[in-house]
């Protein structure tokens, strides 16, 4: 099948290795890929801070860009949550019936990466090899907005060589929440401290998640504590093989 990639501005700017891992993974599984170089942002940060016109523009742009795609794959549950939860209201506010119809027709074809692998491709063993001790952080958007469920753990459990260890309080937020961590820094820091304690108690080499935003927040705290545990997006684990390890981890 054919899929279009929306890599997200966050990944493209700060974590390009995640986008490259998605390409490696999906091409290995036989998916033909399109990439729109003019893609920008889903508009979440604009909508969440009251910049409605800017959010309208991003929502309209996304629909125009991907309305003909067979599938759209996005390695970020927070961006998917923006599209599923906030785009409908934004587009209704615009009062553009044609755009609303185009969005509704497109929406069932928009997938978070783990959804695409399991629900669309029907695979949970992607042929990955990652011989490390790993724990999984369930990001809030994936857990509560998308109801991702056990999809990430199903994928990770089939990775050869992995030592997958559960984390306590898996349902607790890391405290990032985009602008929440800026507007409520003390609360965010307290939440982050609890999450880091839980991560470190697993003695994992790597903490993984669906969102690099959470991993940046957690990884920053781990770095400041001189902890040995590192963070890595789930796409990089799933793209890793014995012949071609995850980027930067050879």
Protein backbone atom coordinates (compact mmCIF):
# COMPACT_ATOMS: atom_id res chain seq x y z
CA UNK A 1 0.00 0.00 0.00
CA UNK A 2 0.94 3.67 -0.17
CA UNK A 3 1.12 6.10 2.74
CA UNK A 4 1.93 9.76 3.21
CA UNK A 5 4.13 10.79 6.13
CA UNK A 6 3.37 13.74 8.38
CA UNK A 7 6.57 13.77 10.43
CA UNK A 8 5.49 16.80 12.57
CA UNK A 9 7.37 20.04 13.07
CA UNK A 10 8.69 18.86 16.47
CA UNK A 11 10.33 15.78 15.03
CA UNK A 12 11.52 17.51 11.90
CA UNK A 13 13.18 20.31 13.86
CA UNK A 14 14.54 18.50 16.91
CA UNK A 15 14.46 14.75 16.25
CA UNK A 16 14.98 14.09 12.52
CA UNK A 17 16.28 10.60 13.32
CA UNK A 18 12.71 9.64 14.25
CA UNK A 19 11.41 10.52 10.81
CA UNK A 20 14.22 8.59 9.16
CA UNK A 21 13.42 5.59 11.37
CA UNK A 22 9.76 5.69 10.28
CA UNK A 23 10.87 5.62 6.64
CA UNK A 24 13.23 2.67 7.22
CA UNK A 25 10.59 0.75 9.13
CA UNK A 26 7.71 1.22 6.72
CA UNK A 27 9.78 0.64 3.60
CA UNK A 28 11.05 -2.59 5.15
CA UNK A 29 7.41 -3.64 5.53
CA UNK A 30 6.72 -2.93 1.86
CA UNK A 31 4.90 0.40 2.21
CA UNK A 32 5.44 2.95 -0.56
CA UNK A 33 5.88 6.40 0.97
CA UNK A 34 5.13 9.98 0.02
CA UNK A 35 6.52 13.00 1.83
CA UNK A 36 5.15 16.50 1.37
CA UNK A 37 8.10 18.89 1.82
CA UNK A 38 5.68 21.80 2.38
CA UNK A 39 4.17 20.25 5.50
CA UNK A 40 4.48 22.37 8.62
CA UNK A 41 2.62 22.08 11.94
CA UNK A 42 -0.66 20.49 13.01
CA UNK A 43 -1.53 23.75 14.80
CA UNK A 44 -1.80 22.35 18.31
CA UNK A 45 0.38 24.97 19.97
CA UNK A 46 -1.60 27.73 18.23
CA UNK A 47 -4.98 26.32 19.25
CA UNK A 48 -3.90 25.69 22.84
CA UNK A 49 -2.66 29.24 23.33
CA UNK A 50 -5.61 31.05 21.76
CA UNK A 51 -4.23 31.78 18.30
CA UNK A 52 -7.33 30.56 16.50
CA UNK A 53 -6.70 32.10 13.04
CA UNK A 54 -3.27 30.45 12.92
CA UNK A 55 -4.78 27.13 14.01
CA UNK A 56 -7.49 27.46 11.35
CA UNK A 57 -4.79 27.96 8.72
CA UNK A 58 -2.89 24.84 9.78
CA UNK A 59 -6.02 22.67 9.89
CA UNK A 60 -7.08 23.83 6.42
CA UNK A 61 -3.59 23.28 5.08
CA UNK A 62 -3.45 19.75 6.48
CA UNK A 63 -6.76 18.77 4.85
CA UNK A 64 -5.81 20.24 1.49
CA UNK A 65 -2.45 18.50 1.57
CA UNK A 66 -3.64 15.01 2.55
CA UNK A 67 -7.25 14.69 1.39
CA UNK A 68 -6.27 12.37 -1.46
CA UNK A 69 -3.83 10.22 0.55
CA UNK A 70 -4.50 6.51 0.86
CA UNK A 71 -3.23 6.74 4.44
CA UNK A 72 -1.46 9.36 6.55
CA UNK A 73 1.03 8.12 9.16
CA UNK A 74 2.08 10.37 12.04
CA UNK A 75 4.67 9.34 14.68
CA UNK A 76 3.13 11.51 17.40
CA UNK A 77 0.00 10.77 19.41
CA UNK A 78 -0.33 14.42 20.48
CA UNK A 79 -0.58 15.60 16.86
CA UNK A 80 -3.08 12.85 16.06
CA UNK A 81 -5.13 13.93 19.10
CA UNK A 82 -5.10 17.50 17.80
CA UNK A 83 -6.42 16.35 14.44
CA UNK A 84 -9.11 14.09 15.86
CA UNK A 85 -10.22 16.19 18.82
CA UNK A 86 -9.73 19.82 17.80
CA UNK A 87 -9.91 19.93 14.01
CA UNK A 88 -13.65 19.15 13.90
CA UNK A 89 -14.47 22.21 16.02
CA UNK A 90 -11.98 24.42 14.22
CA UNK A 91 -13.36 23.51 10.81
CA UNK A 92 -16.96 23.98 11.94
CA UNK A 93 -16.01 27.44 13.22
CA UNK A 94 -14.71 28.28 9.77
CA UNK A 95 -18.14 27.50 8.34
CA UNK A 96 -16.67 25.87 5.24
CA UNK A 97 -18.95 22.94 4.40
CA UNK A 98 -16.71 21.64 1.62
CA UNK A 99 -13.67 21.60 3.90
CA UNK A 100 -15.71 19.89 6.62
CA UNK A 101 -16.78 17.15 4.20
CA UNK A 102 -13.22 16.68 2.96
CA UNK A 103 -11.95 16.41 6.54
CA UNK A 104 -14.58 13.86 7.56
CA UNK A 105 -13.79 11.72 4.51
CA UNK A 106 -10.05 11.90 5.23
CA UNK A 107 -10.12 11.36 9.01
CA UNK A 108 -10.46 7.53 9.02
CA UNK A 109 -7.26 7.36 6.95
CA UNK A 110 -5.10 9.23 9.50
CA UNK A 111 -3.08 6.94 11.78
CA UNK A 112 -0.62 7.15 14.64
CA UNK A 113 2.34 4.87 13.85
CA UNK A 114 1.40 1.97 16.17
CA UNK A 115 -2.21 2.13 14.93
CA UNK A 116 -1.03 1.97 11.34
CA UNK A 117 1.18 -1.05 11.97
CA UNK A 118 -1.36 -3.09 13.90
CA UNK A 119 -4.73 -1.89 12.62
CA UNK A 120 -3.93 -1.12 8.98
CA UNK A 121 -1.02 -3.42 8.12
CA UNK A 122 -2.07 -6.16 10.55
CA UNK A 123 1.45 -6.77 11.89
CA UNK A 124 2.86 -6.72 15.40
CA UNK A 125 6.20 -8.37 14.60
CA UNK A 126 8.08 -5.92 12.39
CA UNK A 127 11.36 -7.85 12.34
CA UNK A 128 13.14 -5.56 14.79
CA UNK A 129 16.18 -6.37 16.93
CA UNK A 130 17.09 -4.19 19.91
CA UNK A 131 19.16 -5.98 22.58
CA UNK A 132 18.59 -3.55 25.44
CA UNK A 133 16.57 -3.17 28.64
CA UNK A 134 13.64 -0.88 27.78
CA UNK A 135 10.68 0.63 29.61
CA UNK A 136 7.66 2.28 27.99
CA UNK A 137 6.10 5.60 29.01
CA UNK A 138 2.45 5.95 27.96
CA UNK A 139 1.94 9.55 26.89
CA UNK A 140 -1.31 11.21 27.94
CA UNK A 141 -2.60 11.85 24.43
CA UNK A 142 -2.05 8.25 23.39
CA UNK A 143 -3.49 6.88 26.61
CA UNK A 144 -6.50 9.14 27.13
CA UNK A 145 -7.31 10.78 23.80
CA UNK A 146 -6.49 8.03 21.30
CA UNK A 147 -6.99 5.03 23.59
CA UNK A 148 -3.93 3.41 22.04
CA UNK A 149 -4.17 0.62 24.59
CA UNK A 150 -1.63 -2.18 24.36
CA UNK A 151 -0.56 -1.57 20.75
CA UNK A 152 2.91 -0.19 21.63
CA UNK A 153 3.58 -3.00 24.11
CA UNK A 154 2.46 -5.59 21.56
CA UNK A 155 4.96 -4.20 19.07
CA UNK A 156 7.77 -3.92 21.59
CA UNK A 157 7.21 -7.40 22.99
CA UNK A 158 7.93 -8.90 19.55
CA UNK A 159 11.29 -7.13 19.20
CA UNK A 160 14.09 -9.70 19.32
CA UNK A 161 16.67 -9.25 22.07
CA UNK A 162 14.66 -6.68 24.02
CA UNK A 163 14.30 -6.87 27.80
CA UNK A 164 10.97 -5.07 28.21
CA UNK A 165 10.24 -4.00 31.77
CA UNK A 166 6.99 -2.37 32.95
CA UNK A 167 7.07 1.00 34.67
CA UNK A 168 5.10 1.81 37.81
CA UNK A 169 2.39 4.47 37.50
CA UNK A 170 2.35 4.07 33.74
CA UNK A 171 -0.83 6.15 33.56
CA UNK A 172 0.77 9.22 35.19
CA UNK A 173 1.66 12.28 33.13
CA UNK A 174 5.31 13.28 32.80
CA UNK A 175 4.34 16.91 33.34
CA UNK A 176 5.21 18.30 29.92
CA UNK A 177 1.88 19.10 28.30
CA UNK A 178 3.37 21.62 25.90
CA UNK A 179 2.75 25.10 27.33
CA UNK A 180 1.64 23.55 30.64
CA UNK A 181 5.27 23.01 31.59
CA UNK A 182 5.94 26.72 30.97
CA UNK A 183 2.83 28.18 32.58
CA UNK A 184 2.91 25.78 35.55
CA UNK A 185 6.61 25.11 35.92
CA UNK A 186 6.59 24.09 39.58
CA UNK A 187 3.75 21.59 39.15
CA UNK A 188 5.34 20.28 35.96
CA UNK A 189 8.68 19.79 37.69
CA UNK A 190 7.05 17.88 40.54
CA UNK A 191 5.28 15.59 38.09
CA UNK A 192 8.50 15.10 36.15
CA UNK A 193 10.40 14.15 39.30
CA UNK A 194 7.90 11.38 40.01
CA UNK A 195 8.10 10.09 36.46
CA UNK A 196 11.89 10.06 36.50
CA UNK A 197 11.92 8.10 39.77
CA UNK A 198 9.65 5.51 38.17
CA UNK A 199 11.84 5.33 35.05
CA UNK A 200 15.02 4.90 37.06
CA UNK A 201 13.48 2.23 39.27
CA UNK A 202 13.17 -0.03 36.21
CA UNK A 203 16.96 0.07 35.67
CA UNK A 204 16.19 0.40 31.97
CA UNK A 205 18.84 1.47 29.49
CA UNK A 206 16.18 3.23 27.43
CA UNK A 207 12.81 4.83 28.04
CA UNK A 208 10.61 4.86 24.95
CA UNK A 209 7.28 6.46 24.03
CA UNK A 210 5.11 7.49 21.09
CA UNK A 211 5.94 11.19 21.52
CA UNK A 212 9.30 12.92 21.42
CA UNK A 213 7.78 15.81 23.36
CA UNK A 214 7.41 13.61 26.45
CA UNK A 215 10.80 12.04 25.80
CA UNK A 216 12.47 15.45 25.58
CA UNK A 217 11.00 16.40 28.96
CA UNK A 218 12.00 13.11 30.60
CA UNK A 219 15.34 12.96 28.83
CA UNK A 220 16.26 16.44 29.98
CA UNK A 221 15.70 15.48 33.60
CA UNK A 222 17.65 12.24 33.19
CA UNK A 223 20.52 14.20 31.67
CA UNK A 224 20.54 16.71 34.52
CA UNK A 225 20.74 13.85 37.01
CA UNK A 226 23.62 12.27 35.07
CA UNK A 227 21.51 9.11 34.76
CA UNK A 228 22.61 6.32 32.44
CA UNK A 229 19.08 5.86 31.08
CA UNK A 230 18.47 7.42 27.67
CA UNK A 231 15.30 8.16 25.72
CA UNK A 232 14.39 6.88 22.26
CA UNK A 233 11.24 7.09 20.15
CA UNK A 234 9.49 3.76 19.57
CA UNK A 235 10.00 4.15 15.81
CA UNK A 236 13.76 3.94 16.28
CA UNK A 237 13.46 0.69 18.22
CA UNK A 238 11.11 -0.82 15.66
CA UNK A 239 13.37 0.26 12.78
CA UNK A 240 16.45 -1.30 14.37
CA UNK A 241 17.74 -4.64 13.09
CA UNK A 242 20.79 -6.79 13.82
CA UNK A 243 22.33 -5.64 10.52
CA UNK A 244 21.37 -1.98 10.94
CA UNK A 245 21.03 -0.81 14.56
CA UNK A 246 19.01 2.23 15.51
CA UNK A 247 20.60 5.49 14.39
CA UNK A 248 23.24 6.69 16.81
CA UNK A 249 23.20 3.48 18.86
CA UNK A 250 25.55 1.23 16.93
